[in-house]
Every structure is written in structure tokens, then in C-alpha cells.
């Protein structure tokens, strides 16, 4: 899905993301996004730089390394949004049992 929630409000985006997690839990879904909220609860994040794969892991684990590309992207959102994104990633990590991945 390419930026499937780009033109919806945050509440609708949250409902769509929850629906994707529930309805496609046994499927592979590739999401291309520019808004970090759209992918922060995904099973895995693939970070590309100039078309080159630089990171691939569970979002919460990527955020444990302050020098990771993904962590730096999250930090650039500002302190409040960064804290919210990190909290969402950690919650998804436990809720969807991503520790086993």
C-alpha cells in the first residue's frame, strides 16, 4: 500500500492501521510511507537510503539504537512526537508479540 492514509485524519488513520493488523495478521503487507505513524506498529521496518537497504528489524529494536537511521528519523519529529512514536512501537512490540521475530 502506498501512502494509503495520506489524506485522512489521525483517528481514521489509527482505525485503518488497526484493521490492517487484524485483517492481514497472517499475510505479508508491504507499506510505503512517509509518515512514521503509519508504520511504527508494523512487524518490521525496512529503511532505504538512496535505494540501498540500510536497516531491517522490528521498529522497537531499531529504536533501541540511537544511531540507527530509523531512530534518527524518529528523533527529527521533535521530542513530543518522538516520545509518542517510541511508546507506540514498544506497545506494538508487546501487543503483537514481536519479541519472537
N, C-alpha and C. Protein backbone atom coordinates (compact mmCIF):
# COMPACT_ATOMS: atom_id res chain seq x y z
N UNK A 1 0.86 -1.17 0.00
CA UNK A 1 0.00 0.00 0.00
C UNK A 1 0.89 1.22 0.00
N UNK A 2 0.67 2.12 -0.89
CA UNK A 2 1.49 3.31 -1.00
C UNK A 2 0.74 4.49 -0.41
N UNK A 3 1.12 4.87 0.82
CA UNK A 3 0.57 6.06 1.48
C UNK A 3 -0.96 6.04 1.46
N UNK A 4 -1.50 4.90 1.87
CA UNK A 4 -2.94 4.69 1.79
C UNK A 4 -3.73 5.59 2.73
N UNK A 5 -3.08 6.18 3.71
CA UNK A 5 -3.79 7.03 4.67
C UNK A 5 -3.32 8.48 4.61
N UNK A 6 -2.71 8.88 3.52
CA UNK A 6 -2.12 10.22 3.44
C UNK A 6 -3.13 11.35 3.62
N UNK A 7 -4.37 11.13 3.25
CA UNK A 7 -5.34 12.21 3.29
C UNK A 7 -6.46 12.00 4.30
N UNK A 8 -6.16 11.30 5.39
CA UNK A 8 -7.17 11.09 6.43
C UNK A 8 -6.66 11.66 7.75
N UNK A 9 -7.59 11.92 8.67
CA UNK A 9 -7.21 12.44 9.97
C UNK A 9 -6.57 11.33 10.81
N UNK A 10 -5.96 11.73 11.94
CA UNK A 10 -5.22 10.78 12.78
C UNK A 10 -6.10 9.66 13.33
N UNK A 11 -7.34 9.98 13.71
CA UNK A 11 -8.24 8.96 14.24
C UNK A 11 -8.58 7.90 13.21
N UNK A 12 -8.88 8.34 12.00
CA UNK A 12 -9.18 7.40 10.91
C UNK A 12 -7.95 6.58 10.56
N UNK A 13 -6.79 7.23 10.54
CA UNK A 13 -5.54 6.53 10.26
C UNK A 13 -5.32 5.41 11.28
N UNK A 14 -5.57 5.70 12.55
CA UNK A 14 -5.41 4.69 13.60
C UNK A 14 -6.34 3.50 13.38
N UNK A 15 -7.59 3.78 13.02
CA UNK A 15 -8.55 2.70 12.75
C UNK A 15 -8.10 1.85 11.56
N UNK A 16 -7.60 2.51 10.54
CA UNK A 16 -7.14 1.78 9.34
C UNK A 16 -5.94 0.89 9.70
N UNK A 17 -4.99 1.44 10.48
CA UNK A 17 -3.81 0.65 10.85
C UNK A 17 -4.20 -0.55 11.71
N UNK A 18 -5.14 -0.35 12.63
CA UNK A 18 -5.60 -1.48 13.46
C UNK A 18 -6.31 -2.53 12.60
N UNK A 19 -7.09 -2.08 11.63
CA UNK A 19 -7.77 -3.01 10.72
C UNK A 19 -6.76 -3.81 9.91
N UNK A 20 -5.72 -3.15 9.43
CA UNK A 20 -4.68 -3.84 8.66
C UNK A 20 -4.03 -4.91 9.53
N UNK A 21 -3.68 -4.54 10.76
CA UNK A 21 -3.05 -5.52 11.66
C UNK A 21 -3.96 -6.71 11.92
N UNK A 22 -5.24 -6.46 12.12
CA UNK A 22 -6.17 -7.54 12.44
C UNK A 22 -6.56 -8.38 11.22
N UNK A 23 -6.88 -7.74 10.13
CA UNK A 23 -7.37 -8.45 8.95
C UNK A 23 -6.26 -9.15 8.17
N UNK A 24 -5.04 -8.65 8.26
CA UNK A 24 -3.94 -9.21 7.48
C UNK A 24 -2.84 -9.77 8.37
N UNK A 25 -3.20 -10.21 9.58
CA UNK A 25 -2.19 -10.68 10.53
C UNK A 25 -1.42 -11.89 10.02
N UNK A 26 -2.00 -12.66 9.11
CA UNK A 26 -1.32 -13.84 8.57
C UNK A 26 -0.84 -13.62 7.14
N UNK A 27 -0.73 -12.37 6.75
CA UNK A 27 -0.32 -12.04 5.38
C UNK A 27 0.87 -11.07 5.41
N UNK A 28 1.56 -10.99 4.31
CA UNK A 28 2.62 -10.01 4.17
C UNK A 28 2.04 -8.76 3.54
N UNK A 29 2.20 -7.64 4.22
CA UNK A 29 1.73 -6.36 3.72
C UNK A 29 2.94 -5.45 3.60
N UNK A 30 3.18 -4.93 2.42
CA UNK A 30 4.28 -4.00 2.19
C UNK A 30 3.68 -2.60 2.12
N UNK A 31 4.08 -1.74 3.05
CA UNK A 31 3.56 -0.39 3.12
C UNK A 31 4.68 0.60 2.85
N UNK A 32 4.48 1.48 1.90
CA UNK A 32 5.42 2.56 1.61
C UNK A 32 4.85 3.80 2.26
N UNK A 33 5.63 4.42 3.14
CA UNK A 33 5.07 5.54 3.90
C UNK A 33 6.11 6.62 4.12
N UNK A 34 5.60 7.82 4.29
CA UNK A 34 6.44 8.95 4.66
C UNK A 34 6.14 9.39 6.09
N UNK A 35 4.94 9.09 6.55
CA UNK A 35 4.57 9.41 7.93
C UNK A 35 4.92 8.22 8.81
N UNK A 36 5.72 8.46 9.82
CA UNK A 36 6.18 7.37 10.69
C UNK A 36 5.05 6.73 11.47
N UNK A 37 4.01 7.50 11.78
CA UNK A 37 2.86 6.93 12.48
C UNK A 37 2.22 5.78 11.70
N UNK A 38 2.34 5.84 10.39
CA UNK A 38 1.73 4.83 9.53
C UNK A 38 2.40 3.47 9.68
N UNK A 39 3.69 3.44 10.00
CA UNK A 39 4.43 2.17 10.02
C UNK A 39 5.02 1.81 11.37
N UNK A 40 4.89 2.66 12.36
CA UNK A 40 5.57 2.45 13.65
C UNK A 40 5.14 1.17 14.35
N UNK A 41 3.93 0.68 14.08
CA UNK A 41 3.46 -0.55 14.74
C UNK A 41 3.57 -1.77 13.83
N UNK A 42 4.23 -1.64 12.70
CA UNK A 42 4.40 -2.78 11.80
C UNK A 42 5.34 -3.82 12.42
N UNK A 43 5.26 -5.05 11.90
CA UNK A 43 6.12 -6.12 12.39
C UNK A 43 7.59 -5.79 12.18
N UNK A 44 7.89 -5.27 11.02
CA UNK A 44 9.28 -4.93 10.67
C UNK A 44 9.30 -3.66 9.84
N UNK A 45 10.42 -2.99 9.93
CA UNK A 45 10.66 -1.76 9.17
C UNK A 45 11.88 -2.01 8.28
N UNK A 46 11.75 -1.64 7.02
CA UNK A 46 12.87 -1.70 6.09
C UNK A 46 13.21 -0.24 5.76
N UNK A 47 14.42 0.17 6.11
CA UNK A 47 14.84 1.54 5.87
C UNK A 47 15.78 1.55 4.66
N UNK A 48 15.44 2.37 3.69
CA UNK A 48 16.26 2.51 2.49
C UNK A 48 16.91 3.87 2.48
N UNK A 49 18.12 3.94 1.99
CA UNK A 49 18.83 5.21 1.80
C UNK A 49 19.41 5.19 0.40
N UNK A 50 18.95 6.10 -0.43
CA UNK A 50 19.38 6.15 -1.83
C UNK A 50 19.17 4.81 -2.52
N UNK A 51 18.04 4.16 -2.22
CA UNK A 51 17.70 2.89 -2.85
C UNK A 51 18.44 1.69 -2.29
N UNK A 52 19.23 1.89 -1.24
CA UNK A 52 20.01 0.82 -0.62
C UNK A 52 19.43 0.47 0.74
N UNK A 53 19.25 -0.81 1.01
CA UNK A 53 18.76 -1.26 2.31
C UNK A 53 19.82 -1.00 3.37
N UNK A 54 19.44 -0.22 4.39
CA UNK A 54 20.38 0.09 5.46
C UNK A 54 19.96 -0.50 6.80
N UNK A 55 18.66 -0.80 6.96
CA UNK A 55 18.17 -1.40 8.20
C UNK A 55 16.92 -2.21 7.93
N UNK A 56 16.77 -3.28 8.73
CA UNK A 56 15.58 -4.11 8.63
C UNK A 56 15.41 -4.83 9.96
N UNK A 57 14.39 -4.44 10.71
CA UNK A 57 14.15 -5.07 12.02
C UNK A 57 12.80 -4.61 12.55
N UNK A 58 12.46 -5.10 13.72
CA UNK A 58 11.27 -4.67 14.44
C UNK A 58 11.48 -3.21 14.85
N UNK A 59 10.48 -2.33 14.65
CA UNK A 59 10.66 -0.91 14.98
C UNK A 59 11.21 -0.66 16.38
N UNK A 60 10.66 -1.34 17.38
CA UNK A 60 11.11 -1.13 18.76
C UNK A 60 12.60 -1.44 18.91
N UNK A 61 13.07 -2.49 18.25
CA UNK A 61 14.50 -2.83 18.34
C UNK A 61 15.36 -1.79 17.62
N UNK A 62 14.91 -1.31 16.47
CA UNK A 62 15.66 -0.27 15.77
C UNK A 62 15.78 0.98 16.63
N UNK A 63 14.73 1.28 17.38
CA UNK A 63 14.73 2.48 18.22
C UNK A 63 15.62 2.35 19.45
N UNK A 64 16.07 1.15 19.76
CA UNK A 64 16.97 0.96 20.90
C UNK A 64 18.37 1.47 20.59
N UNK A 65 18.68 1.60 19.30
CA UNK A 65 19.98 2.11 18.88
C UNK A 65 19.83 3.58 18.48
N UNK A 66 20.32 4.52 19.30
CA UNK A 66 20.15 5.94 18.98
C UNK A 66 20.84 6.37 17.70
N UNK A 67 21.75 5.55 17.17
CA UNK A 67 22.46 5.89 15.94
C UNK A 67 21.84 5.27 14.70
N UNK A 68 20.77 4.49 14.86
CA UNK A 68 20.16 3.86 13.68
C UNK A 68 19.48 4.93 12.82
N UNK A 69 19.38 4.65 11.55
CA UNK A 69 18.69 5.57 10.63
C UNK A 69 17.27 5.82 11.11
N UNK A 70 16.59 4.73 11.47
CA UNK A 70 15.20 4.84 11.88
C UNK A 70 15.07 5.67 13.15
N UNK A 71 15.94 5.43 14.11
CA UNK A 71 15.91 6.20 15.35
C UNK A 71 16.14 7.69 15.07
N UNK A 72 17.03 7.98 14.17
CA UNK A 72 17.29 9.38 13.81
C UNK A 72 16.07 10.02 13.14
N UNK A 73 15.38 9.26 12.29
CA UNK A 73 14.15 9.78 11.67
C UNK A 73 13.11 10.11 12.73
N UNK A 74 12.97 9.22 13.70
CA UNK A 74 12.01 9.44 14.78
C UNK A 74 12.41 10.66 15.61
N UNK A 75 13.69 10.80 15.91
CA UNK A 75 14.15 11.95 16.70
C UNK A 75 13.89 13.28 16.00
N UNK A 76 13.97 13.28 14.68
CA UNK A 76 13.74 14.51 13.91
C UNK A 76 12.28 14.97 13.94
N UNK A 77 11.39 14.18 14.49
CA UNK A 77 9.98 14.59 14.59
C UNK A 77 9.75 15.52 15.77
N UNK A 78 10.75 15.66 16.65
CA UNK A 78 10.63 16.50 17.83
C UNK A 78 10.38 15.67 19.07
N UNK A 79 10.63 16.24 20.24
CA UNK A 79 10.55 15.47 21.49
C UNK A 79 9.19 14.85 21.78
N UNK A 80 8.13 15.59 21.57
CA UNK A 80 6.79 15.07 21.90
C UNK A 80 6.38 13.94 20.96
N UNK A 81 6.54 14.16 19.66
CA UNK A 81 6.16 13.14 18.68
C UNK A 81 7.09 11.93 18.79
N UNK A 82 8.37 12.18 19.00
CA UNK A 82 9.32 11.09 19.16
C UNK A 82 8.93 10.19 20.33
N UNK A 83 8.59 10.80 21.46
CA UNK A 83 8.18 10.02 22.62
C UNK A 83 6.93 9.21 22.32
N UNK A 84 5.98 9.81 21.61
CA UNK A 84 4.74 9.12 21.25
C UNK A 84 5.04 7.94 20.32
N UNK A 85 5.87 8.14 19.31
CA UNK A 85 6.21 7.08 18.37
C UNK A 85 6.94 5.93 19.08
N UNK A 86 7.86 6.27 19.96
CA UNK A 86 8.60 5.25 20.71
C UNK A 86 7.65 4.43 21.59
N UNK A 87 6.71 5.11 22.21
CA UNK A 87 5.71 4.43 23.04
C UNK A 87 4.85 3.50 22.20
N UNK A 88 4.42 3.96 21.04
CA UNK A 88 3.61 3.14 20.15
C UNK A 88 4.38 1.90 19.70
N UNK A 89 5.67 2.08 19.37
CA UNK A 89 6.50 0.95 18.92
C UNK A 89 6.66 -0.07 20.04
N UNK A 90 6.88 0.40 21.25
CA UNK A 90 7.04 -0.51 22.38
C UNK A 90 5.74 -1.25 22.67
N UNK A 91 4.63 -0.54 22.63
CA UNK A 91 3.32 -1.17 22.87
C UNK A 91 3.04 -2.25 21.83
N UNK A 92 3.30 -1.95 20.56
CA UNK A 92 3.09 -2.94 19.49
C UNK A 92 4.01 -4.14 19.67
N UNK A 93 5.23 -3.88 20.10
CA UNK A 93 6.22 -4.94 20.33
C UNK A 93 5.66 -5.98 21.29
N UNK A 94 5.02 -5.52 22.34
CA UNK A 94 4.46 -6.43 23.33
C UNK A 94 3.09 -6.96 22.91
N UNK A 95 2.24 -6.09 22.36
CA UNK A 95 0.88 -6.48 21.97
C UNK A 95 0.86 -7.54 20.88
N UNK A 96 1.70 -7.37 19.89
CA UNK A 96 1.71 -8.29 18.75
C UNK A 96 2.79 -9.36 18.89
N UNK A 97 3.39 -9.47 20.08
CA UNK A 97 4.41 -10.47 20.37
C UNK A 97 5.53 -10.44 19.35
N UNK A 98 6.07 -9.27 19.09
CA UNK A 98 7.13 -9.10 18.10
C UNK A 98 8.50 -9.53 18.64
N UNK A 99 8.56 -9.77 19.94
CA UNK A 99 9.83 -10.23 20.52
C UNK A 99 10.27 -11.56 19.94
N UNK A 100 9.32 -12.33 19.45
CA UNK A 100 9.65 -13.65 18.89
C UNK A 100 10.14 -13.58 17.44
N UNK A 101 10.07 -12.40 16.84
CA UNK A 101 10.54 -12.27 15.45
C UNK A 101 12.04 -12.12 15.37
